[in-house]
Structures are given as C-alpha cells and as structure tokens.
C-alpha atoms as a PDB file:
ATOM      1  CA  MET A   1     198.304 349.331  51.035  1.00  0.00           C
ATOM      2  CA  ASN A   2     199.586 351.159  47.975  1.00  0.00           C
ATOM      3  CA  PHE A   3     200.148 349.598  44.554  1.00  0.00           C
ATOM      4  CA  ALA A   4     203.698 348.505  45.423  1.00  0.00           C
ATOM      5  CA  ASP A   5     202.582 346.861  48.666  1.00  0.00           C
ATOM      6  CA  LYS A   6     199.944 344.864  46.796  1.00  0.00           C
ATOM      7  CA  VAL A   7     202.379 343.645  44.117  1.00  0.00           C
ATOM      8  CA  ILE A   8     205.006 342.696  46.678  1.00  0.00           C
ATOM      9  CA  ASP A   9     202.414 340.818  48.711  1.00  0.00           C
ATOM     10  CA  PHE A  10     201.207 339.018  45.571  1.00  0.00           C
ATOM     11  CA  ASN A  11     204.750 337.964  44.644  1.00  0.00           C
ATOM     12  CA  GLN A  12     205.644 336.833  48.142  1.00  0.00           C
ATOM     13  CA  ARG A  13     202.580 334.577  48.257  1.00  0.00           C
ATOM     14  CA  LEU A  14     203.032 333.312  44.721  1.00  0.00           C
ATOM     15  CA  GLN A  15     203.364 329.580  44.266  1.00  0.00           C
ATOM     16  CA  TYR A  16     202.124 326.938  41.894  1.00  0.00           C
ATOM     17  CA  THR A  17     201.213 323.631  43.496  1.00  0.00           C
ATOM     18  CA  GLY A  18     199.328 322.004  40.640  1.00  0.00           C
ATOM     19  CA  LYS A  19     200.517 319.109  38.537  1.00  0.00           C
ATOM     20  CA  LEU A  20     202.365 319.587  35.247  1.00  0.00           C
ATOM     21  CA  PRO A  21     202.875 317.222  32.306  1.00  0.00           C
ATOM     22  CA  GLU A  22     206.003 315.095  32.443  1.00  0.00           C
ATOM     23  CA  GLY A  23     209.172 317.035  31.668  1.00  0.00           C
ATOM     24  CA  PHE A  24     207.819 320.474  32.628  1.00  0.00           C
ATOM     25  CA  PHE A  25     208.861 322.293  35.792  1.00  0.00           C
ATOM     26  CA  VAL A  26     208.164 325.664  37.435  1.00  0.00           C
ATOM     27  CA  MET A  27     210.879 327.997  38.702  1.00  0.00           C
ATOM     28  CA  ASN A  28     209.879 330.352  41.503  1.00  0.00           C
ATOM     29  CA  PRO A  29     212.577 333.051  41.863  1.00  0.00           C
ATOM     30  CA  PHE A  30     210.928 334.400  45.002  1.00  0.00           C
ATOM     31  CA  MET A  31     211.617 331.107  46.747  1.00  0.00           C
ATOM     32  CA  ASP A  32     214.856 330.175  44.978  1.00  0.00           C
ATOM     33  CA  ASN A  33     216.941 333.319  45.585  1.00  0.00           C
ATOM     34  CA  PRO A  34     216.672 335.617  48.632  1.00  0.00           C
ATOM     35  CA  GLU A  35     218.137 338.546  46.657  1.00  0.00           C
ATOM     36  CA  THR A  36     215.285 338.299  44.137  1.00  0.00           C
ATOM     37  CA  LEU A  37     212.833 339.278  46.860  1.00  0.00           C
ATOM     38  CA  GLU A  38     215.085 342.153  47.867  1.00  0.00           C
ATOM     39  CA  VAL A  39     215.488 343.665  44.393  1.00  0.00           C
ATOM     40  CA  MET A  40     211.822 343.038  43.544  1.00  0.00           C
ATOM     41  CA  ARG A  41     210.785 345.032  46.629  1.00  0.00           C
ATOM     42  CA  LYS A  42     213.176 347.856  45.676  1.00  0.00           C
ATOM     43  CA  PHE A  43     211.804 347.985  42.137  1.00  0.00           C
ATOM     44  CA  TYR A  44     208.130 348.180  43.083  1.00  0.00           C
ATOM     45  CA  ASN A  45     208.677 350.591  45.956  1.00  0.00           C
ATOM     46  CA  GLN A  46     210.667 352.798  43.583  1.00  0.00           C
ATOM     47  CA  TYR A  47     208.084 352.932  40.791  1.00  0.00           C
ATOM     48  CA  TYR A  48     204.730 351.929  42.299  1.00  0.00           C
ATOM     49  CA  GLY A  49     204.595 353.651  45.681  1.00  0.00           C
ATOM     50  CA  ASP A  50     201.184 355.212  44.992  1.00  0.00           C
ATOM     51  CA  ASN A  51     197.556 354.241  44.429  1.00  0.00           C
ATOM     52  CA  ASN A  52     197.271 355.235  40.780  1.00  0.00           C
ATOM     53  CA  PRO A  53     195.481 352.802  38.419  1.00  0.00           C
ATOM     54  CA  ARG A  54     197.576 351.485  35.542  1.00  0.00           C
ATOM     55  CA  LYS A  55     197.270 349.918  32.115  1.00  0.00           C
ATOM     56  CA  PHE A  56     198.129 346.233  31.884  1.00  0.00           C
ATOM     57  CA  LEU A  57     200.691 344.655  29.544  1.00  0.00           C
ATOM     58  CA  ILE A  58     200.391 340.860  29.479  1.00  0.00           C
ATOM     59  CA  GLY A  59     203.379 338.711  28.579  1.00  0.00           C
ATOM     60  CA  ILE A  60     203.504 334.929  28.251  1.00  0.00           C
ATOM     61  CA  ASN A  61     205.427 333.696  31.273  1.00  0.00           C
ATOM     62  CA  PRO A  62     208.816 334.794  32.644  1.00  0.00           C
ATOM     63  CA  SER A  63     212.047 333.490  31.161  1.00  0.00           C
ATOM     64  CA  ARG A  64     214.635 331.868  33.374  1.00  0.00           C
ATOM     65  CA  HIS A  65     217.100 334.676  32.525  1.00  0.00           C
ATOM     66  CA  GLY A  66     214.689 337.604  32.909  1.00  0.00           C
ATOM     67  CA  ALA A  67     212.022 337.781  35.592  1.00  0.00           C
ATOM     68  CA  GLY A  68     212.970 334.200  36.474  1.00  0.00           C
ATOM     69  CA  VAL A  69     216.002 335.816  38.149  1.00  0.00           C
ATOM     70  CA  THR A  70     215.074 339.431  38.899  1.00  0.00           C
ATOM     71  CA  GLY A  71     211.418 338.922  39.761  1.00  0.00           C
ATOM     72  CA  VAL A  72     210.582 341.908  37.513  1.00  0.00           C
ATOM     73  CA  PRO A  73     208.867 341.118  34.173  1.00  0.00           C
ATOM     74  CA  PHE A  74     210.921 341.767  31.013  1.00  0.00           C
ATOM     75  CA  THR A  75     213.857 342.914  33.145  1.00  0.00           C
ATOM     76  CA  ASP A  76     217.219 341.160  33.206  1.00  0.00           C
ATOM     77  CA  THR A  77     219.957 342.129  35.659  1.00  0.00           C
ATOM     78  CA  LYS A  78     221.632 344.410  33.090  1.00  0.00           C
ATOM     79  CA  ARG A  79     218.522 346.540  32.558  1.00  0.00           C
ATOM     80  CA  LEU A  80     217.641 346.364  36.251  1.00  0.00           C
ATOM     81  CA  GLU A  81     220.919 348.152  36.966  1.00  0.00           C
ATOM     82  CA  SER A  82     221.332 350.409  33.917  1.00  0.00           C
ATOM     83  CA  ALA A  83     217.726 351.599  33.543  1.00  0.00           C
ATOM     84  CA  CYS A  84     216.397 351.242  37.083  1.00  0.00           C
ATOM     85  CA  GLY A  85     219.526 351.795  39.183  1.00  0.00           C
ATOM     86  CA  ILE A  86     219.082 348.544  41.134  1.00  0.00           C
ATOM     87  CA  LYS A  87     222.107 346.263  41.259  1.00  0.00           C
ATOM     88  CA  MET A  88     221.826 342.505  41.710  1.00  0.00           C
ATOM     89  CA  THR A  89     225.007 340.826  42.934  1.00  0.00           C
ATOM     90  CA  SER A  90     224.027 337.137  43.054  1.00  0.00           C
ATOM     91  CA  ALA A  91     223.353 336.846  39.314  1.00  0.00           C
ATOM     92  CA  ARG A  92     224.220 338.441  35.979  1.00  0.00           C
ATOM     93  CA  THR A  93     221.775 337.828  33.148  1.00  0.00           C
ATOM     94  CA  HIS A  94     221.021 338.999  29.624  1.00  0.00           C
ATOM     95  CA  GLU A  95     217.510 338.476  28.274  1.00  0.00           C
ATOM     96  CA  ILE A  96     216.700 339.397  24.677  1.00  0.00           C
ATOM     97  CA  SER A  97     213.121 340.566  25.349  1.00  0.00           C
ATOM     98  CA  SER A  98     214.414 342.965  27.970  1.00  0.00           C
ATOM     99  CA  VAL A  99     216.580 344.728  25.364  1.00  0.00           C
ATOM    100  CA  PHE A 100     213.605 345.715  23.202  1.00  0.00           C
ATOM    101  CA  MET A 101     211.371 346.520  26.160  1.00  0.00           C
ATOM    102  CA  TYR A 102     213.805 348.993  27.688  1.00  0.00           C
ATOM    103  CA  ASP A 103     214.632 350.582  24.337  1.00  0.00           C
ATOM    104  CA  MET A 104     210.889 351.164  23.985  1.00  0.00           C
ATOM    105  CA  ILE A 105     210.618 352.420  27.567  1.00  0.00           C
ATOM    106  CA  GLU A 106     213.433 354.906  26.898  1.00  0.00           C
ATOM    107  CA  GLU A 107     211.543 356.248  23.878  1.00  0.00           C
ATOM    108  CA  PHE A 108     208.396 356.491  26.017  1.00  0.00           C
ATOM    109  CA  GLY A 109     210.218 358.796  28.417  1.00  0.00           C
ATOM    110  CA  GLY A 110     212.148 356.510  30.743  1.00  0.00           C
ATOM    111  CA  ALA A 111     211.374 353.949  33.408  1.00  0.00           C
ATOM    112  CA  ALA A 112     209.781 356.316  35.926  1.00  0.00           C
ATOM    113  CA  GLU A 113     207.434 357.764  33.305  1.00  0.00           C
ATOM    114  CA  PHE A 114     206.532 354.367  31.867  1.00  0.00           C
ATOM    115  CA  TYR A 115     205.894 352.525  35.115  1.00  0.00           C
ATOM    116  CA  ARG A 116     203.768 355.408  36.361  1.00  0.00           C
ATOM    117  CA  GLU A 117     201.250 354.401  33.690  1.00  0.00           C
ATOM    118  CA  PHE A 118     201.857 350.698  33.053  1.00  0.00           C
ATOM    119  CA  TYR A 119     202.137 347.408  34.902  1.00  0.00           C
ATOM    120  CA  ILE A 120     203.596 344.305  33.235  1.00  0.00           C
ATOM    121  CA  ASN A 121     203.060 340.705  34.223  1.00  0.00           C
ATOM    122  CA  SER A 122     201.940 337.364  32.818  1.00  0.00           C
ATOM    123  CA  PRO A 123     198.935 335.081  33.194  1.00  0.00           C
ATOM    124  CA  PHE A 124     201.394 332.482  34.477  1.00  0.00           C
ATOM    125  CA  PRO A 125     203.752 334.697  36.487  1.00  0.00           C
ATOM    126  CA  LEU A 126     206.433 332.076  37.159  1.00  0.00           C
ATOM    127  CA  ALA A 127     209.087 330.682  34.816  1.00  0.00           C
ATOM    128  CA  ILE A 128     208.353 327.354  33.120  1.00  0.00           C
ATOM    129  CA  ILE A 129     211.195 325.149  31.934  1.00  0.00           C
ATOM    130  CA  ARG A 130     211.231 321.912  29.991  1.00  0.00           C
ATOM    131  CA  GLU A 131     213.808 319.141  30.294  1.00  0.00           C
ATOM    132  CA  VAL A 132     214.951 318.362  26.745  1.00  0.00           C
ATOM    133  CA  LYS A 133     217.806 316.045  27.772  1.00  0.00           C
ATOM    134  CA  PRO A 134     218.747 314.711  31.199  1.00  0.00           C
ATOM    135  CA  GLY A 135     219.861 317.751  33.147  1.00  0.00           C
ATOM    136  CA  GLN A 136     219.351 320.147  30.190  1.00  0.00           C
ATOM    137  CA  PHE A 137     216.507 322.653  30.419  1.00  0.00           C
ATOM    138  CA  LEU A 138     215.054 325.262  28.084  1.00  0.00           C
ATOM    139  CA  ASN A 139     212.457 328.005  28.540  1.00  0.00           C
ATOM    140  CA  ALA A 140     208.902 326.862  27.862  1.00  0.00           C
ATOM    141  CA  ASN A 141     205.734 328.818  27.158  1.00  0.00           C
ATOM    142  CA  TYR A 142     202.480 327.906  28.884  1.00  0.00           C
ATOM    143  CA  TYR A 143     200.920 327.170  25.468  1.00  0.00           C
ATOM    144  CA  ASP A 144     203.723 324.941  24.123  1.00  0.00           C
ATOM    145  CA  ASP A 145     201.824 321.778  24.991  1.00  0.00           C
ATOM    146  CA  PRO A 146     198.017 321.361  25.097  1.00  0.00           C
ATOM    147  CA  LYS A 147     198.263 319.361  28.318  1.00  0.00           C
ATOM    148  CA  LEU A 148     200.381 322.098  29.888  1.00  0.00           C
ATOM    149  CA  PHE A 149     197.829 324.782  28.999  1.00  0.00           C
ATOM    150  CA  LEU A 150     194.982 322.734  30.440  1.00  0.00           C
ATOM    151  CA  ALA A 151     196.986 322.103  33.602  1.00  0.00           C
ATOM    152  CA  VAL A 152     197.621 325.806  34.265  1.00  0.00           C
ATOM    153  CA  LYS A 153     194.480 327.410  32.747  1.00  0.00           C
ATOM    154  CA  ASP A 154     192.491 327.852  35.970  1.00  0.00           C
ATOM    155  CA  PHE A 155     195.580 329.120  37.788  1.00  0.00           C
ATOM    156  CA  MET A 156     196.109 331.703  35.042  1.00  0.00           C
ATOM    157  CA  ILE A 157     192.536 332.976  35.237  1.00  0.00           C
ATOM    158  CA  GLU A 158     192.850 333.412  38.998  1.00  0.00           C
ATOM    159  CA  SER A 159     196.219 335.088  38.538  1.00  0.00           C
ATOM    160  CA  LEU A 160     194.775 337.586  36.049  1.00  0.00           C
ATOM    161  CA  LYS A 161     191.933 338.367  38.448  1.00  0.00           C
ATOM    162  CA  LYS A 162     194.450 339.036  41.220  1.00  0.00           C
ATOM    163  CA  HIS A 163     196.459 341.310  38.933  1.00  0.00           C
ATOM    164  CA  ILE A 164     193.320 343.312  38.122  1.00  0.00           C
ATOM    165  CA  GLU A 165     192.655 343.734  41.852  1.00  0.00           C
ATOM    166  CA  LEU A 166     195.995 345.534  42.189  1.00  0.00           C
ATOM    167  CA  GLY A 167     194.386 348.489  40.426  1.00  0.00           C
ATOM    168  CA  LEU A 168     194.422 347.846  36.686  1.00  0.00           C
ATOM    169  CA  TYR A 169     192.142 349.192  33.971  1.00  0.00           C
ATOM    170  CA  GLN A 170     189.915 346.571  32.364  1.00  0.00           C
ATOM    171  CA  ASP A 171     188.648 348.585  29.399  1.00  0.00           C
ATOM    172  CA  GLU A 172     191.762 347.722  27.369  1.00  0.00           C
ATOM    173  CA  VAL A 173     194.653 345.336  27.873  1.00  0.00           C
ATOM    174  CA  PHE A 174     197.828 345.014  25.794  1.00  0.00           C
ATOM    175  CA  ILE A 175     198.817 341.462  24.821  1.00  0.00           C
ATOM    176  CA  LEU A 176     202.441 340.813  23.893  1.00  0.00           C
ATOM    177  CA  GLY A 177     202.653 338.119  21.227  1.00  0.00           C
ATOM    178  CA  LYS A 178     200.101 337.008  18.649  1.00  0.00           C
ATOM    179  CA  LYS A 179     199.980 333.375  19.774  1.00  0.00           C
ATOM    180  CA  ASN A 180     199.751 334.521  23.376  1.00  0.00           C
ATOM    181  CA  ALA A 181     196.755 336.641  22.348  1.00  0.00           C
ATOM    182  CA  GLN A 182     194.916 333.588  20.989  1.00  0.00           C
ATOM    183  CA  PHE A 183     195.059 331.934  24.391  1.00  0.00           C
ATOM    184  CA  ILE A 184     194.337 335.103  26.373  1.00  0.00           C
ATOM    185  CA  HIS A 185     191.264 335.503  24.161  1.00  0.00           C
ATOM    186  CA  LYS A 186     190.117 332.035  25.257  1.00  0.00           C
ATOM    187  CA  LEU A 187     190.651 332.925  28.909  1.00  0.00           C
ATOM    188  CA  ASN A 188     188.853 336.231  28.431  1.00  0.00           C
ATOM    189  CA  GLN A 189     185.859 334.552  26.812  1.00  0.00           C
ATOM    190  CA  GLU A 190     185.593 332.241  29.791  1.00  0.00           C
ATOM    191  CA  ALA A 191     186.217 334.755  32.580  1.00  0.00           C
ATOM    192  CA  ASN A 192     185.154 338.075  31.003  1.00  0.00           C
ATOM    193  CA  LEU A 193     188.164 339.996  32.305  1.00  0.00           C
ATOM    194  CA  PHE A 194     188.817 342.736  29.722  1.00  0.00           C
ATOM    195  CA  ASP A 195     186.727 344.762  27.290  1.00  0.00           C
ATOM    196  CA  LYS A 196     189.323 345.162  24.531  1.00  0.00           C
ATOM    197  CA  LEU A 197     192.453 343.152  23.698  1.00  0.00           C
ATOM    198  CA  THR A 198     195.112 345.102  21.795  1.00  0.00           C
ATOM    199  CA  VAL A 199     197.748 342.769  20.342  1.00  0.00           C
ATOM    200  CA  LEU A 200     201.401 343.765  19.883  1.00  0.00           C
ATOM    201  CA  GLU A 201     204.300 341.713  18.547  1.00  0.00           C
ATOM    202  CA  HIS A 202     206.311 340.077  21.300  1.00  0.00           C
ATOM    203  CA  PRO A 203     209.595 341.803  22.224  1.00  0.00           C
ATOM    204  CA  ARG A 204     211.559 338.583  21.706  1.00  0.00           C
ATOM    205  CA  PHE A 205     210.184 338.167  18.176  1.00  0.00           C
ATOM    206  CA  ILE A 206     211.028 341.770  17.313  1.00  0.00           C
ATOM    207  CA  GLN A 207     214.519 341.701  18.776  1.00  0.00           C
ATOM    208  CA  GLN A 208     215.388 338.299  17.314  1.00  0.00           C
ATOM    209  CA  TYR A 209     213.792 338.441  13.864  1.00  0.00           C
ATOM    210  CA  LYS A 210     212.917 342.084  13.122  1.00  0.00           C
ATOM    211  CA  SER A 211     215.782 343.998  14.696  1.00  0.00           C
ATOM    212  CA  LYS A 212     216.340 346.158  11.602  1.00  0.00           C
ATOM    213  CA  GLU A 213     212.732 347.312  11.870  1.00  0.00           C
ATOM    214  CA  LYS A 214     212.824 347.846  15.627  1.00  0.00           C
ATOM    215  CA  PRO A 215     212.144 351.608  15.460  1.00  0.00           C
ATOM    216  CA  LEU A 216     208.921 350.884  13.582  1.00  0.00           C
ATOM    217  CA  TYR A 217     207.793 348.415  16.239  1.00  0.00           C
ATOM    218  CA  ILE A 218     208.674 350.845  19.022  1.00  0.00           C
ATOM    219  CA  ASP A 219     206.502 353.426  17.270  1.00  0.00           C
ATOM    220  CA  LYS A 220     203.697 350.856  17.001  1.00  0.00           C
ATOM    221  CA  TYR A 221     203.853 350.287  20.765  1.00  0.00           C
ATOM    222  CA  LEU A 222     203.842 354.014  21.518  1.00  0.00           C
ATOM    223  CA  VAL A 223     200.930 354.716  19.174  1.00  0.00           C
ATOM    224  CA  ALA A 224     198.897 351.893  20.762  1.00  0.00           C
ATOM    225  CA  PHE A 225     199.630 353.177  24.252  1.00  0.00           C
ATOM    226  CA  ASN A 226     198.661 356.744  23.421  1.00  0.00           C
ATOM    227  CA  GLN A 227     195.486 356.168  21.421  1.00  0.00           C
ATOM    228  CA  ASN A 228     193.228 356.458  24.442  1.00  0.00           C
ATOM    229  CA  ASN A 229     195.028 359.617  25.532  1.00  0.00           C
ATOM    230  CA  GLY A 230     194.314 361.311  22.225  1.00  0.00           C
ATOM    231  CA  THR A 231     198.035 361.896  21.563  1.00  0.00           C
ATOM    232  CA  VAL A 232     200.778 360.159  19.614  1.00  0.00           C
END
C-alpha cells in the first residue's frame, strides 16, 4: 500500500462511537455523502500516490463547511476545484481557513509541491457540531468544553498514532493554533508522539482577524517549514 492507499483506508474505516456531552454531535462526511468518498479518493491518489514520508500539520478538527464536506482537511469545495482540479457537484462550500491555507500553498509552490512534503489532519479527524438552539448547529472545537475533551482524548491519541503510521516524521510536528497546541502538548506528554512541537497561528484566526498582515503570516509558515531544510 502506498501513502494514498493508507489514508483512504484510514478515512473509510473512520468512525467515532464514544459518548459525547449533551448537545455535541459528530459529523462523518465519509458516511454522510457518497461523493465525499469519491473526491477524497481522487485527492489522495492525485497527491499521495507514493511511499515518501511527510511532515505533519495538525489542525483542531474539521469544520462542517471544509473537510466536513470534502473529506480533505482545510479544503472547501471552491479550493478543491480551483487549486486541485477536483470538482464536487453535490455541495458548494466556502471555508475561511481554506482561503489562507491555499494562499500559503500557492506561495510554497502549489498543491503538488506542498502535498509532496506535507500531510494535514487533526487529532479528532471528524467534524464536531454543537446545538445552540433547537435545530441550529455551529462548529465546535474538541477543546471547547472540558467534558468534551475528556470524552475524545483517548480517541485522539489513537488517531494521532494511526496518522504517524501512514509515514509521518516524528522529529517535528506543526500545530495550527495556539490553544490547540496547549492540548496537543498534553496529549504528547501522555503518549510521547513527537520530539518537537512548532506552533503556528491558525489559518482561521489569520484570515478573520489579521488579514492585512496575511503576507507576514504566510512568510512565517514558509520559514518554519524550511528551517530543517536549511533554506528559506
């Protein structure tokens, strides 16, 4: 099995069967939409059809408009089509984190160049939503509620271990989001998964609150990625 085969197999088997605190729910796009499986397979076969090891970027958990639809982390349907050439017909989504991520990827050298070196996923690789009013749901982060974090903690550790087994470097991992990094640090202390945690601002934070400074944050990402290569 090559890298793509392993990721596809992981996603197809992915399910969360544990309990969650009242009001929280998990969305599994691989079970909810047949086209998600189709475009996810196309994406990984297109960019990961080899056995090369990759560096790991860790998000929080997918949003319901990003990977919660496409099955590809930090990729909404717009970027899936415009940057990756894969069209999704059953949904049309815009996800703010995806905008920054693909602007950064373009500066890196494009999707093919970026995904040749990097793999992105989350410790909780399924979308979490919270019911705020009857029938009204919003995105939730795994750390939004202490009970939620405790409920999913063991699942996240196992998920990270499975990601590493795909063929990921463990000497350094890139954490997206400062609060996310606090919790990944806790998981890492318990499970001893990575040697070094490099923390970067989350794409949503940058795009939403620091958009005028976006070029500086893109440069920060690129410098962090290239430090181990000895180039900037």
